[in-house]
Amino acid sequence: MVSPNSKTVFAIRIVCLIAYYDQTQFAVQRLHGPRRKIAPMRIPSRTSAFFCTLATCCSLSCAQSAWQVPPASAAIVAGIPIAAGTPVGPRFRQRFMEFDNNCTCDGKRQNKQNCDLDPNSNHVLLRLAGGVIFFDAKLAIDNDGSPYSNMRRNSDQPQTSLRYDELHGQPSINSDAVPYIVLPLGGFLQELGLQKGDLAAVIYNDKLVYAIFADEGPKCNIGEGSIQLHQLLGNAVCRKRNQAGECIDVDEDRGIDKDVLFFVFPDSAKLILPGLTPENVNARINQFAPKLFSALKTASR
């Protein structure tokens, strides 16, 4: 059965097709003169652009309304009014879908292997109570900041976007020691009110891990986290460690394909960044992030 929303989207897309046909015929006639007697349905270009944009927004909205919490994670998020969240950032969701469906980013062709092996699997992007940003996605592996990344300079970066600014040399956040998430560039942070150092809660199946936003990634990709985040979520990506306990071999193909849930808490960086060091970062994450996550359930009462 076709829902009313689906009917609306279908009708708007018909208008888009008519407008496209109309404009194509007009261009042909300008180049070659009129062919037969064509009576195109003259729809102004601005009107057609409006309807096509509206169709895209409706498609995104319908997809989000149909999304459901993965059953394996339902107990952890019980009491959080996710369904009452407000859809945000449609242009970012459109980018993520474009990457998955067309292997392009803002119309530019991307590496097909990356598209095939690392689709975003994003279905929902919401603003919850208190401005908390919620989304689902896959979870790729980000090695940046780890000793392992220094061994792979051709493909990894030894630096993360977030640093320990108060320490000499401003060292990066170690992917092998700290659970952190990666968020996309391209205006995502600014529009959604997020900043480096904000705290997060990440859920996969029946595991809940608290993390920090420590690195930025490509604008058309979402869903990436540190080696330590994977380990704590039960996804053992490190295959070998040296005598110092540092990971020296990561299974790059062992990312999580889908159904990872992310809650990012805006303006929480101020709680953790002053005086942050490698020695206290994990303790601070677990001091503040659980309270923020619990507040989501309290807000629904």
Foldseek 3Di string as FASTA:
>chain_A
DQDPLNVLLVVLVVLLVLQVVLVVQVVVCVVPNHDDDDDRPDDDPVVSVVSVVVSLVSVLVVLALPDDAPPLACVVCPLFPPNPFDADDSVLVVLLVCCQPPCAGVRHHHDVVCNVQARFQKRGWTQGPQLKIKTWGWEAEAQACAPQQVVVVVPHHVAAPQFLVVDPPRGHQGLQQFKEFEEEDDCPCVRSQADFQWKKWKADRHAIDIHGHIHYDHSSHGHYIGCVNCVRNVQNQQDDADPVRGGNDGNRSRIGGINMMMITRHPCSVQANVPDDNVCRRVSRVVPVVVVSVVSSVVSD
